[in-house]
Amino acid sequence: SGLSDAEVTSRGVQEISSGHVDFL
């Protein structure tokens, strides 16, 4: 919580790329 839009995007890309996401 409380991340900047850039940080939300960067972490989102990281989680998606990891292969473990079902719902984000």
PDB file of all heavy atoms in Angstrom:
ATOM      1  N   SER A   1       0.827  -1.201   0.000  1.00  0.00           N
ATOM      2  CA  SER A   1       0.000   0.000   0.000  1.00  0.00           C
ATOM      3  C   SER A   1       0.859   1.248   0.000  1.00  0.00           C
ATOM      4  O   SER A   1       1.971   1.262   0.552  1.00  0.00           O
ATOM      5  CB  SER A   1      -0.913   0.019   1.242  1.00  0.00           C
ATOM      6  OG  SER A   1      -1.638  -1.181   1.356  1.00  0.00           O
ATOM      7  N   GLY A   2       0.345   2.312  -0.605  1.00  0.00           N
ATOM      8  CA  GLY A   2       1.013   3.600  -0.569  1.00  0.00           C
ATOM      9  C   GLY A   2       2.172   3.750  -1.528  1.00  0.00           C
ATOM     10  O   GLY A   2       2.969   4.684  -1.389  1.00  0.00           O
ATOM     11  N   LEU A   3       2.279   2.881  -2.515  1.00  0.00           N
ATOM     12  CA  LEU A   3       3.356   2.983  -3.496  1.00  0.00           C
ATOM     13  C   LEU A   3       3.002   4.031  -4.548  1.00  0.00           C
ATOM     14  O   LEU A   3       1.834   4.320  -4.779  1.00  0.00           O
ATOM     15  CB  LEU A   3       3.601   1.635  -4.184  1.00  0.00           C
ATOM     16  CG  LEU A   3       4.424   0.575  -3.430  1.00  0.00           C
ATOM     17  CD1 LEU A   3       3.702   0.089  -2.188  1.00  0.00           C
ATOM     18  CD2 LEU A   3       4.746  -0.600  -4.357  1.00  0.00           C
ATOM     19  N   SER A   4       4.012   4.587  -5.190  1.00  0.00           N
ATOM     20  CA  SER A   4       3.768   5.487  -6.319  1.00  0.00           C
ATOM     21  C   SER A   4       3.279   4.668  -7.503  1.00  0.00           C
ATOM     22  O   SER A   4       3.418   3.435  -7.538  1.00  0.00           O
ATOM     23  CB  SER A   4       5.047   6.219  -6.701  1.00  0.00           C
ATOM     24  OG  SER A   4       5.995   5.310  -7.259  1.00  0.00           O
ATOM     25  N   ASP A   5       2.708   5.350  -8.502  1.00  0.00           N
ATOM     26  CA  ASP A   5       2.250   4.632  -9.697  1.00  0.00           C
ATOM     27  C   ASP A   5       3.395   3.894 -10.382  1.00  0.00           C
ATOM     28  O   ASP A   5       3.224   2.771 -10.870  1.00  0.00           O
ATOM     29  CB  ASP A   5       1.603   5.606 -10.680  1.00  0.00           C
ATOM     30  CG  ASP A   5       0.188   5.983 -10.270  1.00  0.00           C
ATOM     31  OD1 ASP A   5      -0.215   5.646  -9.129  1.00  0.00           O
ATOM     32  OD2 ASP A   5      -0.516   6.622 -11.083  1.00  0.00           O
ATOM     33  N   ALA A   6       4.559   4.524 -10.424  1.00  0.00           N
ATOM     34  CA  ALA A   6       5.723   3.875 -11.038  1.00  0.00           C
ATOM     35  C   ALA A   6       6.105   2.619 -10.270  1.00  0.00           C
ATOM     36  O   ALA A   6       6.441   1.578 -10.862  1.00  0.00           O
ATOM     37  CB  ALA A   6       6.892   4.850 -11.099  1.00  0.00           C
ATOM     38  N   GLU A   7       6.051   2.700  -8.931  1.00  0.00           N
ATOM     39  CA  GLU A   7       6.398   1.540  -8.103  1.00  0.00           C
ATOM     40  C   GLU A   7       5.350   0.441  -8.228  1.00  0.00           C
ATOM     41  O   GLU A   7       5.695  -0.758  -8.250  1.00  0.00           O
ATOM     42  CB  GLU A   7       6.542   1.975  -6.646  1.00  0.00           C
ATOM     43  CG  GLU A   7       7.751   2.867  -6.395  1.00  0.00           C
ATOM     44  CD  GLU A   7       7.736   3.502  -5.014  1.00  0.00           C
ATOM     45  OE1 GLU A   7       6.629   3.721  -4.454  1.00  0.00           O
ATOM     46  OE2 GLU A   7       8.827   3.793  -4.488  1.00  0.00           O
ATOM     47  N   VAL A   8       4.076   0.841  -8.292  1.00  0.00           N
ATOM     48  CA  VAL A   8       3.014  -0.154  -8.491  1.00  0.00           C
ATOM     49  C   VAL A   8       3.238  -0.903  -9.804  1.00  0.00           C
ATOM     50  O   VAL A   8       3.150  -2.136  -9.863  1.00  0.00           O
ATOM     51  CB  VAL A   8       1.624   0.519  -8.489  1.00  0.00           C
ATOM     52  CG1 VAL A   8       0.547  -0.469  -8.946  1.00  0.00           C
ATOM     53  CG2 VAL A   8       1.284   1.061  -7.102  1.00  0.00           C
ATOM     54  N   THR A   9       3.570  -0.167 -10.842  1.00  0.00           N
ATOM     55  CA  THR A   9       3.786  -0.777 -12.156  1.00  0.00           C
ATOM     56  C   THR A   9       4.983  -1.712 -12.142  1.00  0.00           C
ATOM     57  O   THR A   9       4.914  -2.855 -12.623  1.00  0.00           O
ATOM     58  CB  THR A   9       3.987   0.310 -13.218  1.00  0.00           C
ATOM     59  OG1 THR A   9       2.857   1.190 -13.215  1.00  0.00           O
ATOM     60  CG2 THR A   9       4.162  -0.303 -14.596  1.00  0.00           C
ATOM     61  N   SER A  10       6.097  -1.236 -11.590  1.00  0.00           N
ATOM     62  CA  SER A  10       7.319  -2.048 -11.556  1.00  0.00           C
ATOM     63  C   SER A  10       7.102  -3.342 -10.784  1.00  0.00           C
ATOM     64  O   SER A  10       7.494  -4.422 -11.239  1.00  0.00           O
ATOM     65  CB  SER A  10       8.446  -1.231 -10.923  1.00  0.00           C
ATOM     66  OG  SER A  10       9.603  -2.017 -10.786  1.00  0.00           O
ATOM     67  N   ARG A  11       6.459  -3.227  -9.604  1.00  0.00           N
ATOM     68  CA  ARG A  11       6.238  -4.431  -8.801  1.00  0.00           C
ATOM     69  C   ARG A  11       5.217  -5.340  -9.475  1.00  0.00           C
ATOM     70  O   ARG A  11       5.319  -6.571  -9.409  1.00  0.00           O
ATOM     71  CB  ARG A  11       5.780  -4.050  -7.400  1.00  0.00           C
ATOM     72  CG  ARG A  11       5.675  -5.242  -6.449  1.00  0.00           C
ATOM     73  CD  ARG A  11       7.031  -5.948  -6.290  1.00  0.00           C
ATOM     74  NE  ARG A  11       6.930  -7.122  -5.463  1.00  0.00           N
ATOM     75  CZ  ARG A  11       7.183  -7.155  -4.146  1.00  0.00           C
ATOM     76  NH1 ARG A  11       7.569  -6.032  -3.527  1.00  0.00           N
ATOM     77  NH2 ARG A  11       7.063  -8.267  -3.457  1.00  0.00           N
ATOM     78  N   GLY A  12       4.228  -4.746 -10.158  1.00  0.00           N
ATOM     79  CA  GLY A  12       3.262  -5.545 -10.880  1.00  0.00           C
ATOM     80  C   GLY A  12       3.906  -6.374 -11.970  1.00  0.00           C
ATOM     81  O   GLY A  12       3.618  -7.568 -12.124  1.00  0.00           O
ATOM     82  N   VAL A  13       4.796  -5.748 -12.747  1.00  0.00           N
ATOM     83  CA  VAL A  13       5.523  -6.467 -13.797  1.00  0.00           C
ATOM     84  C   VAL A  13       6.340  -7.602 -13.192  1.00  0.00           C
ATOM     85  O   VAL A  13       6.373  -8.722 -13.728  1.00  0.00           O
ATOM     86  CB  VAL A  13       6.423  -5.495 -14.587  1.00  0.00           C
ATOM     87  CG1 VAL A  13       7.379  -6.262 -15.498  1.00  0.00           C
ATOM     88  CG2 VAL A  13       5.577  -4.517 -15.399  1.00  0.00           C
ATOM     89  N   GLN A  14       6.968  -7.321 -12.066  1.00  0.00           N
ATOM     90  CA  GLN A  14       7.793  -8.338 -11.389  1.00  0.00           C
ATOM     91  C   GLN A  14       6.954  -9.543 -10.986  1.00  0.00           C
ATOM     92  O   GLN A  14       7.361 -10.701 -11.212  1.00  0.00           O
ATOM     93  CB  GLN A  14       8.456  -7.721 -10.163  1.00  0.00           C
ATOM     94  CG  GLN A  14       9.272  -8.698  -9.328  1.00  0.00           C
ATOM     95  CD  GLN A  14       9.814  -8.052  -8.053  1.00  0.00           C
ATOM     96  OE1 GLN A  14      10.057  -6.850  -8.003  1.00  0.00           O
ATOM     97  NE2 GLN A  14       9.978  -8.848  -7.016  1.00  0.00           N
ATOM     98  N   GLU A  15       5.795  -9.294 -10.381  1.00  0.00           N
ATOM     99  CA  GLU A  15       4.952 -10.393  -9.908  1.00  0.00           C
ATOM    100  C   GLU A  15       4.378 -11.191 -11.075  1.00  0.00           C
ATOM    101  O   GLU A  15       4.349 -12.421 -11.053  1.00  0.00           O
ATOM    102  CB  GLU A  15       3.820  -9.857  -9.022  1.00  0.00           C
ATOM    103  CG  GLU A  15       4.292  -9.167  -7.749  1.00  0.00           C
ATOM    104  CD  GLU A  15       5.107 -10.071  -6.848  1.00  0.00           C
ATOM    105  OE1 GLU A  15       4.855 -11.305  -6.838  1.00  0.00           O
ATOM    106  OE2 GLU A  15       6.000  -9.561  -6.150  1.00  0.00           O
ATOM    107  N   ILE A  16       3.931 -10.492 -12.119  1.00  0.00           N
ATOM    108  CA  ILE A  16       3.383 -11.184 -13.290  1.00  0.00           C
ATOM    109  C   ILE A  16       4.451 -12.065 -13.930  1.00  0.00           C
ATOM    110  O   ILE A  16       4.197 -13.223 -14.295  1.00  0.00           O
ATOM    111  CB  ILE A  16       2.847 -10.157 -14.312  1.00  0.00           C
ATOM    112  CG1 ILE A  16       1.641  -9.407 -13.728  1.00  0.00           C
ATOM    113  CG2 ILE A  16       2.465 -10.840 -15.628  1.00  0.00           C
ATOM    114  CD1 ILE A  16       1.261  -8.156 -14.491  1.00  0.00           C
ATOM    115  N   SER A  17       5.642 -11.532 -14.039  1.00  0.00           N
ATOM    116  CA  SER A  17       6.739 -12.258 -14.703  1.00  0.00           C
ATOM    117  C   SER A  17       7.195 -13.463 -13.905  1.00  0.00           C
ATOM    118  O   SER A  17       7.793 -14.390 -14.470  1.00  0.00           O
ATOM    119  CB  SER A  17       7.921 -11.311 -14.924  1.00  0.00           C
ATOM    120  OG  SER A  17       7.538 -10.197 -15.715  1.00  0.00           O
ATOM    121  N   SER A  18       6.920 -13.471 -12.611  1.00  0.00           N
ATOM    122  CA  SER A  18       7.370 -14.578 -11.760  1.00  0.00           C
ATOM    123  C   SER A  18       6.660 -15.884 -12.064  1.00  0.00           C
ATOM    124  O   SER A  18       7.149 -16.964 -11.769  1.00  0.00           O
ATOM    125  CB  SER A  18       7.150 -14.224 -10.292  1.00  0.00           C
ATOM    126  OG  SER A  18       5.754 -14.196  -9.997  1.00  0.00           O
ATOM    127  N   GLY A  19       5.445 -15.773 -12.630  1.00  0.00           N
ATOM    128  CA  GLY A  19       4.691 -16.975 -12.979  1.00  0.00           C
ATOM    129  C   GLY A  19       3.794 -17.498 -11.887  1.00  0.00           C
ATOM    130  O   GLY A  19       3.091 -18.496 -12.094  1.00  0.00           O
ATOM    131  N   HIS A  20       3.771 -16.849 -10.697  1.00  0.00           N
ATOM    132  CA  HIS A  20       2.958 -17.405  -9.615  1.00  0.00           C
ATOM    133  C   HIS A  20       1.601 -16.708  -9.440  1.00  0.00           C
ATOM    134  O   HIS A  20       0.784 -17.133  -8.627  1.00  0.00           O
ATOM    135  CB  HIS A  20       3.716 -17.369  -8.288  1.00  0.00           C
ATOM    136  CG  HIS A  20       4.178 -16.007  -7.870  1.00  0.00           C
ATOM    137  ND1 HIS A  20       5.468 -15.763  -7.422  1.00  0.00           N
ATOM    138  CD2 HIS A  20       3.549 -14.812  -7.829  1.00  0.00           C
ATOM    139  CE1 HIS A  20       5.578 -14.475  -7.128  1.00  0.00           C
ATOM    140  NE2 HIS A  20       4.432 -13.885  -7.370  1.00  0.00           N
ATOM    141  N   VAL A  21       1.349 -15.649 -10.166  1.00  0.00           N
ATOM    142  CA  VAL A  21       0.125 -14.873  -9.976  1.00  0.00           C
ATOM    143  C   VAL A  21      -1.093 -15.639 -10.492  1.00  0.00           C
ATOM    144  O   VAL A  21      -1.078 -16.193 -11.586  1.00  0.00           O
ATOM    145  CB  VAL A  21       0.227 -13.513 -10.703  1.00  0.00           C
ATOM    146  CG1 VAL A  21      -1.135 -12.827 -10.773  1.00  0.00           C
ATOM    147  CG2 VAL A  21       1.233 -12.618  -9.997  1.00  0.00           C
ATOM    148  N   ASP A  22      -2.162 -15.638  -9.680  1.00  0.00           N
ATOM    149  CA  ASP A  22      -3.476 -16.089 -10.147  1.00  0.00           C
ATOM    150  C   ASP A  22      -4.433 -14.906 -10.262  1.00  0.00           C
ATOM    151  O   ASP A  22      -5.172 -14.805 -11.232  1.00  0.00           O
ATOM    152  CB  ASP A  22      -4.049 -17.153  -9.202  1.00  0.00           C
ATOM    153  CG  ASP A  22      -3.265 -18.443  -9.279  1.00  0.00           C
ATOM    154  OD1 ASP A  22      -3.226 -19.050 -10.368  1.00  0.00           O
ATOM    155  OD2 ASP A  22      -2.671 -18.843  -8.257  1.00  0.00           O
ATOM    156  N   PHE A  23      -4.435 -14.041  -9.248  1.00  0.00           N
ATOM    157  CA  PHE A  23      -5.228 -12.810  -9.312  1.00  0.00           C
ATOM    158  C   PHE A  23      -4.415 -11.677  -8.715  1.00  0.00           C
ATOM    159  O   PHE A  23      -3.937 -11.771  -7.572  1.00  0.00           O
ATOM    160  CB  PHE A  23      -6.550 -12.941  -8.558  1.00  0.00           C
ATOM    161  CG  PHE A  23      -7.296 -11.635  -8.447  1.00  0.00           C
ATOM    162  CD1 PHE A  23      -7.925 -11.089  -9.564  1.00  0.00           C
ATOM    163  CD2 PHE A  23      -7.335 -10.931  -7.256  1.00  0.00           C
ATOM    164  CE1 PHE A  23      -8.586  -9.870  -9.482  1.00  0.00           C
ATOM    165  CE2 PHE A  23      -8.002  -9.712  -7.154  1.00  0.00           C
ATOM    166  CZ  PHE A  23      -8.634  -9.186  -8.278  1.00  0.00           C
ATOM    167  N   LEU A  24      -4.287 -10.598  -9.477  1.00  0.00           N
ATOM    168  CA  LEU A  24      -3.531  -9.438  -9.008  1.00  0.00           C
ATOM    169  C   LEU A  24      -4.328  -8.176  -9.309  1.00  0.00           C
ATOM    170  O   LEU A  24      -4.740  -7.938 -10.445  1.00  0.00           O
ATOM    171  CB  LEU A  24      -2.169  -9.369  -9.704  1.00  0.00           C
ATOM    172  CG  LEU A  24      -1.288  -8.164  -9.338  1.00  0.00           C
ATOM    173  CD1 LEU A  24      -0.954  -8.141  -7.844  1.00  0.00           C
ATOM    174  CD2 LEU A  24      -0.004  -8.176 -10.171  1.00  0.00           C
TER     175      LEU A  24
END
